[in-house]
N, C-alpha and C. Protein backbone atom coordinates (compact mmCIF):
# COMPACT_ATOMS: atom_id res chain seq x y z
N MET A 1 0.86 -1.19 0.00
CA MET A 1 0.00 0.00 0.00
C MET A 1 0.89 1.25 0.00
N PRO A 2 0.59 2.23 -0.86
CA PRO A 2 1.43 3.43 -0.91
C PRO A 2 1.23 4.32 0.31
N LYS A 3 2.19 5.22 0.49
CA LYS A 3 2.12 6.16 1.61
C LYS A 3 0.98 7.15 1.39
N MET A 4 0.45 7.67 2.49
CA MET A 4 -0.55 8.74 2.41
C MET A 4 0.17 10.03 2.06
N ARG A 5 -0.38 10.81 1.17
CA ARG A 5 0.23 12.08 0.78
C ARG A 5 -0.52 13.21 1.47
N THR A 6 0.23 14.13 2.07
CA THR A 6 -0.36 15.33 2.66
C THR A 6 -0.79 16.25 1.52
N ASN A 7 -1.96 16.84 1.66
CA ASN A 7 -2.45 17.78 0.65
C ASN A 7 -1.61 19.06 0.72
N SER A 8 -0.97 19.42 -0.39
CA SER A 8 -0.02 20.54 -0.39
C SER A 8 -0.69 21.87 -0.10
N SER A 9 -1.90 22.08 -0.61
CA SER A 9 -2.56 23.36 -0.36
C SER A 9 -2.98 23.47 1.10
N ALA A 10 -3.37 22.36 1.71
CA ALA A 10 -3.81 22.38 3.11
C ALA A 10 -2.64 22.64 4.05
N LYS A 11 -1.48 22.07 3.76
CA LYS A 11 -0.35 22.26 4.68
C LYS A 11 0.15 23.70 4.67
N LYS A 12 -0.14 24.45 3.59
CA LYS A 12 0.25 25.86 3.54
C LYS A 12 -0.76 26.75 4.27
N ARG A 13 -1.99 26.27 4.45
CA ARG A 13 -3.07 27.10 4.98
C ARG A 13 -3.37 26.88 6.46
N PHE A 14 -3.00 25.73 7.01
CA PHE A 14 -3.37 25.40 8.38
C PHE A 14 -2.14 25.09 9.22
N LYS A 15 -2.19 25.51 10.51
CA LYS A 15 -1.13 25.20 11.47
C LYS A 15 -1.79 24.56 12.69
N LYS A 16 -1.07 23.67 13.35
CA LYS A 16 -1.58 23.03 14.54
C LYS A 16 -1.15 23.83 15.77
N THR A 17 -2.06 24.04 16.71
CA THR A 17 -1.73 24.75 17.94
C THR A 17 -1.16 23.76 18.95
N ALA A 18 -0.68 24.26 20.07
CA ALA A 18 -0.10 23.40 21.10
C ALA A 18 -1.13 22.46 21.71
N THR A 19 -2.40 22.89 21.71
CA THR A 19 -3.45 22.04 22.29
C THR A 19 -4.06 21.08 21.27
N GLY A 20 -3.57 21.13 20.02
CA GLY A 20 -4.05 20.20 19.00
C GLY A 20 -5.14 20.75 18.10
N LYS A 21 -5.56 21.98 18.33
CA LYS A 21 -6.56 22.59 17.45
C LYS A 21 -5.88 23.07 16.17
N LEU A 22 -6.66 23.42 15.18
CA LEU A 22 -6.12 23.90 13.92
C LEU A 22 -6.38 25.39 13.77
N LYS A 23 -5.36 26.11 13.33
CA LYS A 23 -5.41 27.55 13.17
C LYS A 23 -5.52 27.87 11.69
N ARG A 24 -6.29 28.91 11.36
CA ARG A 24 -6.42 29.33 9.97
C ARG A 24 -6.42 30.85 9.89
N GLN A 25 -6.17 31.38 8.70
CA GLN A 25 -6.26 32.82 8.51
C GLN A 25 -7.65 33.18 8.03
N LYS A 26 -8.04 34.42 8.28
CA LYS A 26 -9.37 34.87 7.87
C LYS A 26 -9.37 35.26 6.40
N ALA A 27 -10.53 35.14 5.79
CA ALA A 27 -10.69 35.46 4.37
C ALA A 27 -11.05 36.94 4.19
N PHE A 28 -11.14 37.38 2.95
CA PHE A 28 -11.59 38.73 2.56
C PHE A 28 -10.58 39.82 2.89
N ARG A 29 -9.29 39.55 2.80
CA ARG A 29 -8.32 40.61 3.06
C ARG A 29 -7.33 40.76 1.91
N SER A 30 -7.64 40.22 0.74
CA SER A 30 -6.67 40.26 -0.35
C SER A 30 -6.85 41.45 -1.29
N HIS A 31 -8.07 41.86 -1.56
CA HIS A 31 -8.28 42.98 -2.48
C HIS A 31 -9.62 43.64 -2.17
N ILE A 32 -9.90 44.73 -2.89
CA ILE A 32 -11.09 45.58 -2.65
C ILE A 32 -11.11 46.01 -1.17
N LEU A 33 -10.02 46.61 -0.73
CA LEU A 33 -9.89 46.98 0.68
C LEU A 33 -10.39 48.39 0.96
N THR A 34 -10.63 49.19 -0.08
CA THR A 34 -11.01 50.59 0.13
C THR A 34 -12.39 50.72 0.76
N LYS A 35 -13.30 49.82 0.44
CA LYS A 35 -14.66 49.93 0.98
C LYS A 35 -14.79 49.29 2.36
N LYS A 36 -13.77 48.55 2.80
CA LYS A 36 -13.81 47.92 4.12
C LYS A 36 -13.27 48.88 5.16
N SER A 37 -13.90 48.89 6.32
CA SER A 37 -13.51 49.83 7.36
C SER A 37 -12.16 49.44 7.96
N ARG A 38 -11.52 50.41 8.57
CA ARG A 38 -10.22 50.19 9.19
C ARG A 38 -10.32 49.12 10.27
N LYS A 39 -11.40 49.17 11.04
CA LYS A 39 -11.59 48.18 12.11
C LYS A 39 -11.75 46.77 11.54
N ARG A 40 -12.50 46.66 10.46
CA ARG A 40 -12.73 45.35 9.85
C ARG A 40 -11.43 44.75 9.31
N LYS A 41 -10.62 45.60 8.65
CA LYS A 41 -9.34 45.13 8.11
C LYS A 41 -8.39 44.73 9.24
N ARG A 42 -8.43 45.48 10.33
CA ARG A 42 -7.58 45.17 11.47
C ARG A 42 -7.97 43.83 12.10
N ASP A 43 -9.27 43.57 12.19
CA ASP A 43 -9.75 42.30 12.75
C ASP A 43 -9.43 41.12 11.84
N LEU A 44 -9.33 41.36 10.55
CA LEU A 44 -9.04 40.27 9.60
C LEU A 44 -7.57 39.86 9.63
N ARG A 45 -6.70 40.66 10.25
CA ARG A 45 -5.28 40.33 10.31
C ARG A 45 -5.00 39.10 11.15
N HIS A 46 -5.80 38.90 12.20
CA HIS A 46 -5.47 37.89 13.19
C HIS A 46 -5.96 36.51 12.76
N ASP A 47 -5.21 35.48 13.17
CA ASP A 47 -5.61 34.11 12.91
C ASP A 47 -6.78 33.74 13.81
N THR A 48 -7.47 32.67 13.43
CA THR A 48 -8.58 32.18 14.24
C THR A 48 -8.53 30.66 14.26
N VAL A 49 -9.26 30.06 15.17
CA VAL A 49 -9.29 28.60 15.28
C VAL A 49 -10.34 28.06 14.32
N LEU A 50 -10.01 26.96 13.69
CA LEU A 50 -10.92 26.31 12.75
C LEU A 50 -12.15 25.79 13.49
N HIS A 51 -13.31 25.87 12.87
CA HIS A 51 -14.54 25.39 13.49
C HIS A 51 -14.47 23.88 13.68
N PRO A 52 -14.95 23.39 14.84
CA PRO A 52 -14.86 21.94 15.10
C PRO A 52 -15.51 21.05 14.04
N ALA A 53 -16.54 21.56 13.36
CA ALA A 53 -17.20 20.76 12.32
C ALA A 53 -16.30 20.53 11.11
N ASP A 54 -15.36 21.44 10.87
CA ASP A 54 -14.46 21.31 9.73
C ASP A 54 -13.19 20.55 10.05
N GLU A 55 -12.92 20.31 11.34
CA GLU A 55 -11.66 19.69 11.74
C GLU A 55 -11.42 18.31 11.14
N PRO A 56 -12.39 17.38 11.17
CA PRO A 56 -12.10 16.05 10.64
C PRO A 56 -11.67 16.06 9.17
N ARG A 57 -12.30 16.92 8.37
CA ARG A 57 -11.97 16.99 6.94
C ARG A 57 -10.55 17.52 6.73
N VAL A 58 -10.19 18.56 7.46
CA VAL A 58 -8.86 19.16 7.30
C VAL A 58 -7.80 18.22 7.86
N LYS A 59 -8.08 17.55 8.97
CA LYS A 59 -7.13 16.59 9.53
C LYS A 59 -6.86 15.45 8.56
N ARG A 60 -7.88 15.05 7.82
CA ARG A 60 -7.69 14.00 6.81
C ARG A 60 -6.77 14.50 5.70
N LEU A 61 -6.92 15.77 5.30
CA LEU A 61 -6.06 16.33 4.27
C LEU A 61 -4.60 16.44 4.75
N LEU A 62 -4.43 16.67 6.05
CA LEU A 62 -3.08 16.81 6.62
C LEU A 62 -2.53 15.48 7.13
N CYS A 63 -3.24 14.39 6.90
CA CYS A 63 -2.83 13.05 7.36
C CYS A 63 -2.63 13.02 8.87
N MET A 64 -3.54 13.65 9.60
CA MET A 64 -3.47 13.68 11.05
C MET A 64 -4.51 12.74 11.66
N ALA A 65 -5.46 12.29 10.85
CA ALA A 65 -6.55 11.45 11.40
C ALA A 65 -6.29 9.98 11.17
């Protein structure tokens, strides 16, 4: 049986925290920034934890499950 391959796009987008949760970056910060408020853009800078419902799918892509 061949080895499991980690999904290359997923490994660039997700990081594991010390407690085992998955961290991701927020969307909507790449372009069309003029109409977004300063506060909204500032809040989009920070990473957030992946929703628990999405964890099994992403863990499978990262060969963690």
